[in-house]
Amino acid sequence: MKKYLLALALGASTLMNAQVSVGISIGEPPRLRVERRPIAPGPDFVWIDGYWFADGRHWRWHGGYWTRPPYAGAGWVGPRYEGGRFYAGYWNGSRGRLEHDHRWDHDRHARDYDRH
């Protein structure tokens, strides 16, 4: 009986430490599009190059745009596809990393662009 309980405890412990991951492979993104960069709307704007991002099982294009960083000194780290995996872009700087949100920059772009 003791051997049975020990085996059961070890099996449960192994299952509790197991990691399961599920992903969807959609292959490499298409080639980057060539875009014309318009004149900056103001001195504190940063140009974000257009890029492909994973949207479910498809690639979606996010066109280049001017925007302001989320805080002074933040720099944009562009998204990349590496080793069969997609890594989203993000802002990084003295206040830490801020994950990219396509809704946030779209709204911010429109709001900031109209100020100049």
PDB file of N, CA and C in Angstrom:
ATOM      1  N   MET A   1       0.820  -1.197   0.000  1.00  0.00           N
ATOM      2  CA  MET A   1       0.000   0.000   0.000  1.00  0.00           C
ATOM      3  C   MET A   1       0.860   1.255   0.000  1.00  0.00           C
ATOM      4  N   LYS A   2       1.974   1.251   0.767  1.00  0.00           N
ATOM      5  CA  LYS A   2       2.852   2.420   0.836  1.00  0.00           C
ATOM      6  C   LYS A   2       3.462   2.716  -0.541  1.00  0.00           C
ATOM      7  N   LYS A   3       3.849   1.655  -1.261  1.00  0.00           N
ATOM      8  CA  LYS A   3       4.432   1.835  -2.600  1.00  0.00           C
ATOM      9  C   LYS A   3       3.405   2.457  -3.546  1.00  0.00           C
ATOM     10  N   TYR A   4       2.164   2.017  -3.433  1.00  0.00           N
ATOM     11  CA  TYR A   4       1.094   2.560  -4.272  1.00  0.00           C
ATOM     12  C   TYR A   4       0.888   4.045  -3.979  1.00  0.00           C
ATOM     13  N   LEU A   5       0.826   4.443  -2.727  1.00  0.00           N
ATOM     14  CA  LEU A   5       0.643   5.850  -2.347  1.00  0.00           C
ATOM     15  C   LEU A   5       1.826   6.699  -2.785  1.00  0.00           C
ATOM     16  N   LEU A   6       3.043   6.169  -2.650  1.00  0.00           N
ATOM     17  CA  LEU A   6       4.235   6.901  -3.081  1.00  0.00           C
ATOM     18  C   LEU A   6       4.200   7.114  -4.597  1.00  0.00           C
ATOM     19  N   ALA A   7       3.849   6.077  -5.340  1.00  0.00           N
ATOM     20  CA  ALA A   7       3.757   6.208  -6.803  1.00  0.00           C
ATOM     21  C   ALA A   7       2.681   7.207  -7.189  1.00  0.00           C
ATOM     22  N   LEU A   8       1.551   7.183  -6.499  1.00  0.00           N
ATOM     23  CA  LEU A   8       0.468   8.124  -6.766  1.00  0.00           C
ATOM     24  C   LEU A   8       0.906   9.556  -6.467  1.00  0.00           C
ATOM     25  N   ALA A   9       1.608   9.758  -5.366  1.00  0.00           N
ATOM     26  CA  ALA A   9       2.090  11.097  -4.990  1.00  0.00           C
ATOM     27  C   ALA A   9       3.102  11.611  -6.008  1.00  0.00           C
ATOM     28  N   LEU A  10       4.022  10.750  -6.429  1.00  0.00           N
ATOM     29  CA  LEU A  10       5.016  11.167  -7.425  1.00  0.00           C
ATOM     30  C   LEU A  10       4.363  11.492  -8.764  1.00  0.00           C
ATOM     31  N   GLY A  11       3.391  10.687  -9.168  1.00  0.00           N
ATOM     32  CA  GLY A  11       2.669  10.939 -10.422  1.00  0.00           C
ATOM     33  C   GLY A  11       1.916  12.250 -10.364  1.00  0.00           C
ATOM     34  N   ALA A  12       1.247  12.535  -9.263  1.00  0.00           N
ATOM     35  CA  ALA A  12       0.513  13.796  -9.109  1.00  0.00           C
ATOM     36  C   ALA A  12       1.468  14.970  -9.118  1.00  0.00           C
ATOM     37  N   SER A  13       2.628  14.823  -8.457  1.00  0.00           N
ATOM     38  CA  SER A  13       3.618  15.893  -8.428  1.00  0.00           C
ATOM     39  C   SER A  13       4.136  16.193  -9.830  1.00  0.00           C
ATOM     40  N   THR A  14       4.385  15.153 -10.608  1.00  0.00           N
ATOM     41  CA  THR A  14       4.857  15.327 -11.985  1.00  0.00           C
ATOM     42  C   THR A  14       3.810  16.049 -12.832  1.00  0.00           C
ATOM     43  N   LEU A  15       2.555  15.671 -12.695  1.00  0.00           N
ATOM     44  CA  LEU A  15       1.494  16.318 -13.456  1.00  0.00           C
ATOM     45  C   LEU A  15       1.322  17.777 -13.058  1.00  0.00           C
ATOM     46  N   MET A  16       1.498  18.094 -11.790  1.00  0.00           N
ATOM     47  CA  MET A  16       1.336  19.474 -11.329  1.00  0.00           C
ATOM     48  C   MET A  16       2.440  20.372 -11.880  1.00  0.00           C
ATOM     49  N   ASN A  17       3.617  19.809 -12.162  1.00  0.00           N
ATOM     50  CA  ASN A  17       4.735  20.597 -12.678  1.00  0.00           C
ATOM     51  C   ASN A  17       4.811  20.585 -14.198  1.00  0.00           C
ATOM     52  N   ALA A  18       3.942  19.855 -14.853  1.00  0.00           N
ATOM     53  CA  ALA A  18       3.955  19.760 -16.310  1.00  0.00           C
ATOM     54  C   ALA A  18       3.518  21.090 -16.925  1.00  0.00           C
ATOM     55  N   GLN A  19       4.096  21.408 -18.064  1.00  0.00           N
ATOM     56  CA  GLN A  19       3.720  22.617 -18.789  1.00  0.00           C
ATOM     57  C   GLN A  19       3.156  22.221 -20.137  1.00  0.00           C
ATOM     58  N   VAL A  20       2.082  22.851 -20.481  1.00  0.00           N
ATOM     59  CA  VAL A  20       1.443  22.588 -21.756  1.00  0.00           C
ATOM     60  C   VAL A  20       1.346  23.906 -22.502  1.00  0.00           C
ATOM     61  N   SER A  21       1.727  23.903 -23.761  1.00  0.00           N
ATOM     62  CA  SER A  21       1.576  25.111 -24.565  1.00  0.00           C
ATOM     63  C   SER A  21       0.915  24.745 -25.880  1.00  0.00           C
ATOM     64  N   VAL A  22       0.089  25.656 -26.342  1.00  0.00           N
ATOM     65  CA  VAL A  22      -0.619  25.458 -27.595  1.00  0.00           C
ATOM     66  C   VAL A  22      -0.343  26.674 -28.455  1.00  0.00           C
ATOM     67  N   GLY A  23       0.008  26.469 -29.684  1.00  0.00           N
ATOM     68  CA  GLY A  23       0.265  27.579 -30.585  1.00  0.00           C
ATOM     69  C   GLY A  23      -0.277  27.283 -31.963  1.00  0.00           C
ATOM     70  N   ILE A  24      -0.380  28.317 -32.743  1.00  0.00           N
ATOM     71  CA  ILE A  24      -0.840  28.172 -34.114  1.00  0.00           C
ATOM     72  C   ILE A  24       0.301  28.616 -35.007  1.00  0.00           C
ATOM     73  N   SER A  25       0.685  27.790 -35.912  1.00  0.00           N
ATOM     74  CA  SER A  25       1.752  28.119 -36.839  1.00  0.00           C
ATOM     75  C   SER A  25       1.131  28.606 -38.141  1.00  0.00           C
ATOM     76  N   ILE A  26       1.497  29.813 -38.543  1.00  0.00           N
ATOM     77  CA  ILE A  26       0.955  30.355 -39.789  1.00  0.00           C
ATOM     78  C   ILE A  26       2.052  30.616 -40.804  1.00  0.00           C
ATOM     79  N   GLY A  27       3.271  30.237 -40.476  1.00  0.00           N
ATOM     80  CA  GLY A  27       4.381  30.442 -41.391  1.00  0.00           C
ATOM     81  C   GLY A  27       4.932  31.851 -41.314  1.00  0.00           C
ATOM     82  N   GLU A  28       5.931  32.108 -42.126  1.00  0.00           N
ATOM     83  CA  GLU A  28       6.573  33.422 -42.127  1.00  0.00           C
ATOM     84  C   GLU A  28       5.640  34.489 -42.679  1.00  0.00           C
ATOM     85  N   PRO A  29       5.825  35.731 -42.218  1.00  0.00           N
ATOM     86  CA  PRO A  29       4.991  36.817 -42.741  1.00  0.00           C
ATOM     87  C   PRO A  29       5.389  37.155 -44.177  1.00  0.00           C
ATOM     88  N   PRO A  30       4.493  37.810 -44.912  1.00  0.00           N
ATOM     89  CA  PRO A  30       4.842  38.271 -46.267  1.00  0.00           C
ATOM     90  C   PRO A  30       5.982  39.287 -46.205  1.00  0.00           C
ATOM     91  N   ARG A  31       6.502  39.627 -47.365  1.00  0.00           N
ATOM     92  CA  ARG A  31       7.567  40.645 -47.429  1.00  0.00           C
ATOM     93  C   ARG A  31       7.021  41.987 -46.973  1.00  0.00           C
ATOM     94  N   LEU A  32       7.897  42.799 -46.382  1.00  0.00           N
ATOM     95  CA  LEU A  32       7.484  44.132 -45.940  1.00  0.00           C
ATOM     96  C   LEU A  32       7.042  44.963 -47.135  1.00  0.00           C
ATOM     97  N   ARG A  33       6.079  45.800 -46.906  1.00  0.00           N
ATOM     98  CA  ARG A  33       5.613  46.709 -47.956  1.00  0.00           C
ATOM     99  C   ARG A  33       6.493  47.953 -47.954  1.00  0.00           C
ATOM    100  N   VAL A  34       6.643  48.538 -49.117  1.00  0.00           N
ATOM    101  CA  VAL A  34       7.383  49.792 -49.226  1.00  0.00           C
ATOM    102  C   VAL A  34       6.385  50.917 -48.992  1.00  0.00           C
ATOM    103  N   GLU A  35       6.682  51.779 -48.033  1.00  0.00           N
ATOM    104  CA  GLU A  35       5.792  52.890 -47.709  1.00  0.00           C
ATOM    105  C   GLU A  35       6.547  54.212 -47.802  1.00  0.00           C
ATOM    106  N   ARG A  36       5.821  55.232 -48.142  1.00  0.00           N
ATOM    107  CA  ARG A  36       6.381  56.576 -48.175  1.00  0.00           C
ATOM    108  C   ARG A  36       6.163  57.199 -46.812  1.00  0.00           C
ATOM    109  N   ARG A  37       7.245  57.727 -46.223  1.00  0.00           N
ATOM    110  CA  ARG A  37       7.154  58.360 -44.916  1.00  0.00           C
ATOM    111  C   ARG A  37       6.810  59.835 -45.094  1.00  0.00           C
ATOM    112  N   PRO A  38       5.627  60.247 -44.617  1.00  0.00           N
ATOM    113  CA  PRO A  38       5.272  61.666 -44.724  1.00  0.00           C
ATOM    114  C   PRO A  38       6.097  62.519 -43.744  1.00  0.00           C
ATOM    115  N   ILE A  39       6.009  63.808 -43.921  1.00  0.00           N
ATOM    116  CA  ILE A  39       6.717  64.738 -43.033  1.00  0.00           C
ATOM    117  C   ILE A  39       6.139  64.624 -41.623  1.00  0.00           C
ATOM    118  N   ALA A  40       7.018  64.671 -40.627  1.00  0.00           N
ATOM    119  CA  ALA A  40       6.588  64.567 -39.224  1.00  0.00           C
ATOM    120  C   ALA A  40       5.642  65.714 -38.877  1.00  0.00           C
ATOM    121  N   PRO A  41       4.574  65.419 -38.138  1.00  0.00           N
ATOM    122  CA  PRO A  41       3.622  66.456 -37.758  1.00  0.00           C
ATOM    123  C   PRO A  41       4.127  67.359 -36.636  1.00  0.00           C
ATOM    124  N   GLY A  42       5.217  66.995 -35.988  1.00  0.00           N
ATOM    125  CA  GLY A  42       5.768  67.805 -34.901  1.00  0.00           C
ATOM    126  C   GLY A  42       7.134  67.294 -34.495  1.00  0.00           C
ATOM    127  N   PRO A  43       7.863  68.075 -33.688  1.00  0.00           N
ATOM    128  CA  PRO A  43       9.237  67.712 -33.338  1.00  0.00           C
ATOM    129  C   PRO A  43       9.369  66.503 -32.412  1.00  0.00           C
ATOM    130  N   ASP A  44       8.365  66.179 -31.633  1.00  0.00           N
ATOM    131  CA  ASP A  44       8.492  65.075 -30.677  1.00  0.00           C
ATOM    132  C   ASP A  44       7.814  63.785 -31.149  1.00  0.00           C
ATOM    133  N   PHE A  45       7.558  63.690 -32.435  1.00  0.00           N
ATOM    134  CA  PHE A  45       6.938  62.486 -32.987  1.00  0.00           C
ATOM    135  C   PHE A  45       8.007  61.491 -33.422  1.00  0.00           C
ATOM    136  N   VAL A  46       7.656  60.210 -33.356  1.00  0.00           N
ATOM    137  CA  VAL A  46       8.543  59.118 -33.751  1.00  0.00           C
ATOM    138  C   VAL A  46       7.845  58.340 -34.865  1.00  0.00           C
ATOM    139  N   TRP A  47       8.601  57.999 -35.909  1.00  0.00           N
ATOM    140  CA  TRP A  47       8.040  57.206 -36.995  1.00  0.00           C
ATOM    141  C   TRP A  47       8.137  55.726 -36.639  1.00  0.00           C
ATOM    142  N   ILE A  48       7.033  55.021 -36.772  1.00  0.00           N
ATOM    143  CA  ILE A  48       6.985  53.574 -36.570  1.00  0.00           C
ATOM    144  C   ILE A  48       6.809  52.950 -37.949  1.00  0.00           C
ATOM    145  N   ASP A  49       7.820  52.186 -38.388  1.00  0.00           N
ATOM    146  CA  ASP A  49       7.731  51.527 -39.693  1.00  0.00           C
ATOM    147  C   ASP A  49       6.579  50.530 -39.715  1.00  0.00           C
ATOM    148  N   GLY A  50       5.973  50.373 -40.884  1.00  0.00           N
ATOM    149  CA  GLY A  50       4.912  49.390 -41.042  1.00  0.00           C
ATOM    150  C   GLY A  50       5.446  47.979 -40.855  1.00  0.00           C
ATOM    151  N   TYR A  51       4.580  47.076 -40.442  1.00  0.00           N
ATOM    152  CA  TYR A  51       4.994  45.701 -40.187  1.00  0.00           C
ATOM    153  C   TYR A  51       3.790  44.766 -40.233  1.00  0.00           C
ATOM    154  N   TRP A  52       4.080  43.494 -40.433  1.00  0.00           N
ATOM    155  CA  TRP A  52       3.062  42.445 -40.375  1.00  0.00           C
ATOM    156  C   TRP A  52       2.965  41.952 -38.945  1.00  0.00           C
ATOM    157  N   PHE A  53       1.747  41.676 -38.473  1.00  0.00           N
ATOM    158  CA  PHE A  53       1.573  41.071 -37.158  1.00  0.00           C
ATOM    159  C   PHE A  53       0.571  39.933 -37.268  1.00  0.00           C
ATOM    160  N   ALA A  54       0.735  38.958 -36.373  1.00  0.00           N
ATOM    161  CA  ALA A  54      -0.124  37.781 -36.383  1.00  0.00           C
ATOM    162  C   ALA A  54      -1.489  38.139 -35.804  1.00  0.00           C
ATOM    163  N   ASP A  55      -2.524  37.768 -36.541  1.00  0.00           N
ATOM    164  CA  ASP A  55      -3.899  37.988 -36.100  1.00  0.00           C
ATOM    165  C   ASP A  55      -4.635  36.663 -36.294  1.00  0.00           C
ATOM    166  N   GLY A  56      -4.625  35.854 -35.246  1.00  0.00           N
ATOM    167  CA  GLY A  56      -5.200  34.518 -35.381  1.00  0.00           C
ATOM    168  C   GLY A  56      -4.344  33.671 -36.303  1.00  0.00           C
ATOM    169  N   ARG A  57      -4.956  33.189 -37.374  1.00  0.00           N
ATOM    170  CA  ARG A  57      -4.226  32.329 -38.318  1.00  0.00           C
ATOM    171  C   ARG A  57      -3.779  33.084 -39.567  1.00  0.00           C
ATOM    172  N   HIS A  58      -3.805  34.412 -39.517  1.00  0.00           N
ATOM    173  CA  HIS A  58      -3.457  35.222 -40.682  1.00  0.00           C
ATOM    174  C   HIS A  58      -2.490  36.325 -40.277  1.00  0.00           C
ATOM    175  N   TRP A  59      -1.807  36.873 -41.277  1.00  0.00           N
ATOM    176  CA  TRP A  59      -0.961  38.045 -41.075  1.00  0.00           C
ATOM    177  C   TRP A  59      -1.759  39.275 -41.456  1.00  0.00           C
ATOM    178  N   ARG A  60      -1.645  40.314 -40.673  1.00  0.00           N
ATOM    179  CA  ARG A  60      -2.329  41.577 -40.952  1.00  0.00           C
ATOM    180  C   ARG A  60      -1.273  42.689 -40.986  1.00  0.00           C
ATOM    181  N   TRP A  61      -1.414  43.593 -41.954  1.00  0.00           N
ATOM    182  CA  TRP A  61      -0.468  44.697 -42.115  1.00  0.00           C
ATOM    183  C   TRP A  61      -0.865  45.875 -41.227  1.00  0.00           C
ATOM    184  N   HIS A  62       0.120  46.418 -40.532  1.00  0.00           N
ATOM    185  CA  HIS A  62      -0.068  47.632 -39.725  1.00  0.00           C
ATOM    186  C   HIS A  62       0.800  48.683 -40.406  1.00  0.00           C
ATOM    187  N   GLY A  63       0.184  49.615 -41.097  1.00  0.00           N
ATOM    188  CA  GLY A  63       0.917  50.626 -41.839  1.00  0.00           C
ATOM    189  C   GLY A  63       1.746  51.529 -40.941  1.00  0.00           C
ATOM    190  N   GLY A  64       2.828  52.049 -41.485  1.00  0.00           N
ATOM    191  CA  GLY A  64       3.691  52.970 -40.743  1.00  0.00           C
ATOM    192  C   GLY A  64       2.933  54.238 -40.356  1.00  0.00           C
ATOM    193  N   TYR A  65       3.363  54.870 -39.285  1.00  0.00           N
ATOM    194  CA  TYR A  65       2.658  56.057 -38.788  1.00  0.00           C
ATOM    195  C   TYR A  65       3.548  56.854 -37.834  1.00  0.00           C
ATOM    196  N   TRP A  66       3.184  58.104 -37.657  1.00  0.00           N
ATOM    197  CA  TRP A  66       3.835  58.974 -36.680  1.00  0.00           C
ATOM    198  C   TRP A  66       3.056  58.890 -35.374  1.00  0.00           C
ATOM    199  N   THR A  67       3.765  58.832 -34.271  1.00  0.00           N
ATOM    200  CA  THR A  67       3.124  58.843 -32.955  1.00  0.00           C
ATOM    201  C   THR A  67       4.101  59.398 -31.929  1.00  0.00           C
ATOM    202  N   ARG A  68       3.585  59.713 -30.786  1.00  0.00           N
ATOM    203  CA  ARG A  68       4.428  60.136 -29.670  1.00  0.00           C
ATOM    204  C   ARG A  68       4.688  58.935 -28.770  1.00  0.00           C
ATOM    205  N   PRO A  69       5.884  58.833 -28.220  1.00  0.00           N
ATOM    206  CA  PRO A  69       6.155  57.743 -27.268  1.00  0.00           C
ATOM    207  C   PRO A  69       5.236  57.867 -26.051  1.00  0.00           C
ATOM    208  N   PRO A  70       4.980  56.781 -25.343  1.00  0.00           N
ATOM    209  CA  PRO A  70       4.087  56.834 -24.182  1.00  0.00           C
ATOM    210  C   PRO A  70       4.653  57.654 -23.030  1.00  0.00           C
ATOM    211  N   TYR A  71       5.974  57.822 -22.987  1.00  0.00           N
ATOM    212  CA  TYR A  71       6.615  58.681 -21.984  1.00  0.00           C
ATOM    213  C   TYR A  71       7.970  59.131 -22.538  1.00  0.00           C
ATOM    214  N   ALA A  72       8.486  60.229 -22.012  1.00  0.00           N
ATOM    215  CA  ALA A  72       9.751  60.795 -22.494  1.00  0.00           C
ATOM    216  C   ALA A  72      10.874  59.773 -22.353  1.00  0.00           C
ATOM    217  N   GLY A  73      11.640  59.622 -23.416  1.00  0.00           N
ATOM    218  CA  GLY A  73      12.775  58.710 -23.404  1.00  0.00           C
ATOM    219  C   GLY A  73      12.453  57.283 -23.807  1.00  0.00           C
ATOM    220  N   ALA A  74      11.190  56.970 -24.015  1.00  0.00           N
ATOM    221  CA  ALA A  74      10.826  55.604 -24.436  1.00  0.00           C
ATOM    222  C   ALA A  74      11.229  55.395 -25.886  1.00  0.00           C
ATOM    223  N   GLY A  75      11.756  54.250 -26.182  1.00  0.00           N
ATOM    224  CA  GLY A  75      12.142  53.906 -27.546  1.00  0.00           C
ATOM    225  C   GLY A  75      11.341  52.726 -28.047  1.00  0.00           C
ATOM    226  N   TRP A  76      11.076  52.716 -29.329  1.00  0.00           N
ATOM    227  CA  TRP A  76      10.290  51.648 -29.947  1.00  0.00           C
ATOM    228  C   TRP A  76      11.194  50.480 -30.305  1.00  0.00           C
ATOM    229  N   VAL A  77      10.830  49.290 -29.877  1.00  0.00           N
ATOM    230  CA  VAL A  77      11.501  48.054 -30.266  1.00  0.00           C
ATOM    231  C   VAL A  77      10.531  47.355 -31.207  1.00  0.00           C
ATOM    232  N   GLY A  78      10.873  47.328 -32.470  1.00  0.00           N
ATOM    233  CA  GLY A  78       9.969  46.820 -33.492  1.00  0.00           C
ATOM    234  C   GLY A  78       9.688  45.332 -33.383  1.00  0.00           C
ATOM    235  N   PRO A  79       8.538  44.912 -33.898  1.00  0.00           N
ATOM    236  CA  PRO A  79       8.199  43.490 -33.885  1.00  0.00           C
ATOM    237  C   PRO A  79       9.125  42.720 -34.812  1.00  0.00           C
ATOM    238  N   ARG A  80       9.215  41.421 -34.573  1.00  0.00           N
ATOM    239  CA  ARG A  80      10.077  40.593 -35.417  1.00  0.00           C
ATOM    240  C   ARG A  80       9.548  39.174 -35.473  1.00  0.00           C
ATOM    241  N   TYR A  81       9.935  38.480 -36.515  1.00  0.00           N
ATOM    242  CA  TYR A  81       9.630  37.068 -36.695  1.00  0.00           C
ATOM    243  C   TYR A  81      10.968  36.360 -36.668  1.00  0.00           C
ATOM    244  N   GLU A  82      11.157  35.486 -35.690  1.00  0.00           N
ATOM    245  CA  GLU A  82      12.460  34.868 -35.496  1.00  0.00           C
ATOM    246  C   GLU A  82      12.291  33.437 -35.010  1.00  0.00           C
ATOM    247  N   GLY A  83      12.982  32.527 -35.629  1.00  0.00           N
ATOM    248  CA  GLY A  83      12.931  31.135 -35.197  1.00  0.00           C
ATOM    249  C   GLY A  83      11.538  30.525 -35.235  1.00  0.00           C
ATOM    250  N   GLY A  84      10.726  30.965 -36.184  1.00  0.00           N
ATOM    251  CA  GLY A  84       9.379  30.434 -36.303  1.00  0.00           C
ATOM    252  C   GLY A  84       8.378  31.043 -35.338  1.00  0.00           C
ATOM    253  N   ARG A  85       8.771  32.088 -34.623  1.00  0.00           N
ATOM    254  CA  ARG A  85       7.868  32.732 -33.661  1.00  0.00           C
ATOM    255  C   ARG A  85       7.782  34.226 -33.928  1.00  0.00           C
ATOM    256  N   PHE A  86       6.621  34.790 -33.656  1.00  0.00           N
ATOM    257  CA  PHE A  86       6.394  36.226 -33.796  1.00  0.00           C
ATOM    258  C   PHE A  86       6.526  36.882 -32.433  1.00  0.00           C
ATOM    259  N   TYR A  87       7.300  37.972 -32.384  1.00  0.00           N
ATOM    260  CA  TYR A  87       7.478  38.761 -31.167  1.00  0.00           C
ATOM    261  C   TYR A  87       6.929  40.156 -31.437  1.00  0.00           C
ATOM    262  N   ALA A  88       5.937  40.551 -30.663  1.00  0.00           N
ATOM    263  CA  ALA A  88       5.275  41.840 -30.861  1.00  0.00           C
ATOM    264  C   ALA A  88       6.219  42.987 -30.486  1.00  0.00           C
ATOM    265  N   GLY A  89       5.992  44.142 -31.103  1.00  0.00           N
ATOM    266  CA  GLY A  89       6.750  45.328 -30.765  1.00  0.00           C
ATOM    267  C   GLY A  89       6.311  45.895 -29.425  1.00  0.00           C
ATOM    268  N   TYR A  90       7.177  46.715 -28.836  1.00  0.00           N
ATOM    269  CA  TYR A  90       6.873  47.323 -27.544  1.00  0.00           C
ATOM    270  C   TYR A  90       7.720  48.574 -27.347  1.00  0.00           C
ATOM    271  N   TRP A  91       7.298  49.406 -26.424  1.00  0.00           N
ATOM    272  CA  TRP A  91       8.049  50.584 -26.024  1.00  0.00           C
ATOM    273  C   TRP A  91       8.897  50.202 -24.819  1.00  0.00           C
ATOM    274  N   ASN A  92      10.123  50.747 -24.742  1.00  0.00           N
ATOM    275  CA  ASN A  92      10.992  50.432 -23.620  1.00  0.00           C
ATOM    276  C   ASN A  92      11.812  51.663 -23.252  1.00  0.00           C
ATOM    277  N   GLY A  93      12.075  51.823 -21.981  1.00  0.00           N
ATOM    278  CA  GLY A  93      12.864  52.954 -21.512  1.00  0.00           C
ATOM    279  C   GLY A  93      12.996  52.946 -19.999  1.00  0.00           C
ATOM    280  N   SER A  94      13.281  54.105 -19.438  1.00  0.00           N
ATOM    281  CA  SER A  94      13.541  54.224 -18.004  1.00  0.00           C
ATOM    282  C   SER A  94      12.350  53.829 -17.128  1.00  0.00           C
ATOM    283  N   ARG A  95      11.158  53.933 -17.642  1.00  0.00           N
ATOM    284  CA  ARG A  95       9.964  53.552 -16.864  1.00  0.00           C
ATOM    285  C   ARG A  95       9.535  52.110 -17.129  1.00  0.00           C
ATOM    286  N   GLY A  96      10.338  51.406 -17.886  1.00  0.00           N
ATOM    287  CA  GLY A  96      10.039  50.003 -18.147  1.00  0.00           C
ATOM    288  C   GLY A  96       9.383  49.765 -19.487  1.00  0.00           C
ATOM    289  N   ARG A  97       9.018  48.542 -19.674  1.00  0.00           N
ATOM    290  CA  ARG A  97       8.448  48.071 -20.935  1.00  0.00           C
ATOM    291  C   ARG A  97       6.938  48.291 -20.957  1.00  0.00           C
ATOM    292  N   LEU A  98       6.451  48.773 -22.088  1.00  0.00           N
ATOM    293  CA  LEU A  98       5.016  48.955 -22.284  1.00  0.00           C
ATOM    294  C   LEU A  98       4.647  48.183 -23.540  1.00  0.00           C
ATOM    295  N   GLU A  99       3.819  47.168 -23.375  1.00  0.00           N
ATOM    296  CA  GLU A  99       3.413  46.325 -24.497  1.00  0.00           C
ATOM    297  C   GLU A  99       2.627  47.136 -25.518  1.00  0.00           C
ATOM    298  N   HIS A 100       2.803  46.781 -26.765  1.00  0.00           N
ATOM    299  CA  HIS A 100       2.121  47.458 -27.863  1.00  0.00           C
ATOM    300  C   HIS A 100       0.656  47.047 -27.918  1.00  0.00           C
ATOM    301  N   ASP A 101      -0.210  48.004 -28.118  1.00  0.00           N
ATOM    302  CA  ASP A 101      -1.648  47.757 -28.249  1.00  0.00           C
ATOM    303  C   ASP A 101      -2.100  48.479 -29.508  1.00  0.00           C
ATOM    304  N   HIS A 102      -2.562  47.736 -30.520  1.00  0.00           N
ATOM    305  CA  HIS A 102      -2.930  48.352 -31.794  1.00  0.00           C
ATOM    306  C   HIS A 102      -4.052  49.360 -31.651  1.00  0.00           C
ATOM    307  N   ARG A 103      -4.945  49.163 -30.701  1.00  0.00           N
ATOM    308  CA  ARG A 103      -6.021  50.140 -30.489  1.00  0.00           C
ATOM    309  C   ARG A 103      -5.459  51.415 -29.882  1.00  0.00           C
ATOM    310  N   TRP A 104      -4.525  51.290 -28.946  1.00  0.00           N
ATOM    311  CA  TRP A 104      -3.961  52.444 -28.265  1.00  0.00           C
ATOM    312  C   TRP A 104      -3.225  53.363 -29.250  1.00  0.00           C
ATOM    313  N   ASP A 105      -2.322  52.785 -30.058  1.00  0.00           N
ATOM    314  CA  ASP A 105      -1.552  53.666 -30.938  1.00  0.00           C
ATOM    315  C   ASP A 105      -2.429  54.247 -32.036  1.00  0.00           C
ATOM    316  N   HIS A 106      -3.462  53.518 -32.449  1.00  0.00           N
ATOM    317  CA  HIS A 106      -4.364  54.063 -33.469  1.00  0.00           C
ATOM    318  C   HIS A 106      -5.080  55.295 -32.919  1.00  0.00           C
ATOM    319  N   ASP A 107      -5.627  55.183 -31.729  1.00  0.00           N
ATOM    320  CA  ASP A 107      -6.323  56.319 -31.113  1.00  0.00           C
ATOM    321  C   ASP A 107      -5.352  57.454 -30.809  1.00  0.00           C
ATOM    322  N   ARG A 108      -4.177  57.125 -30.299  1.00  0.00           N
ATOM    323  CA  ARG A 108      -3.179  58.130 -29.936  1.00  0.00           C
ATOM    324  C   ARG A 108      -2.680  58.855 -31.190  1.00  0.00           C
ATOM    325  N   HIS A 109      -2.463  58.087 -32.246  1.00  0.00           N
ATOM    326  CA  HIS A 109      -1.986  58.674 -33.503  1.00  0.00           C
ATOM    327  C   HIS A 109      -2.960  59.753 -33.977  1.00  0.00           C
ATOM    328  N   ALA A 110      -4.215  59.404 -34.008  1.00  0.00           N
ATOM    329  CA  ALA A 110      -5.218  60.362 -34.493  1.00  0.00           C
ATOM    330  C   ALA A 110      -5.288  61.585 -33.562  1.00  0.00           C
ATOM    331  N   ARG A 111      -5.262  61.368 -32.293  1.00  0.00           N
ATOM    332  CA  ARG A 111      -5.345  62.469 -31.337  1.00  0.00           C
ATOM    333  C   ARG A 111      -4.115  63.363 -31.445  1.00  0.00           C
ATOM    334  N   ASP A 112      -2.923  62.777 -31.471  1.00  0.00           N
ATOM    335  CA  ASP A 112      -1.692  63.553 -31.504  1.00  0.00           C
ATOM    336  C   ASP A 112      -1.507  64.258 -32.848  1.00  0.00           C
ATOM    337  N   TYR A 113      -1.852  63.600 -33.926  1.00  0.00           N
ATOM    338  CA  TYR A 113      -1.637  64.171 -35.241  1.00  0.00           C
ATOM    339  C   TYR A 113      -2.416  65.467 -35.402  1.00  0.00           C
ATOM    340  N   ASP A 114      -3.622  65.520 -34.880  1.00  0.00           N
ATOM    341  CA  ASP A 114      -4.470  66.696 -35.033  1.00  0.00           C
ATOM    342  C   ASP A 114      -4.002  67.901 -34.219  1.00  0.00           C
ATOM    343  N   ARG A 115      -3.114  67.709 -33.288  1.00  0.00           N
ATOM    344  CA  ARG A 115      -2.646  68.821 -32.445  1.00  0.00           C
ATOM    345  C   ARG A 115      -1.690  69.755 -33.179  1.00  0.00           C
ATOM    346  N   HIS A 116      -1.107  69.318 -34.285  1.00  0.00           N
ATOM    347  CA  HIS A 116      -0.110  70.156 -34.983  1.00  0.00           C
ATOM    348  C   HIS A 116      -0.606  70.578 -36.338  1.00  0.00           C
TER     349      HIS A 116
END
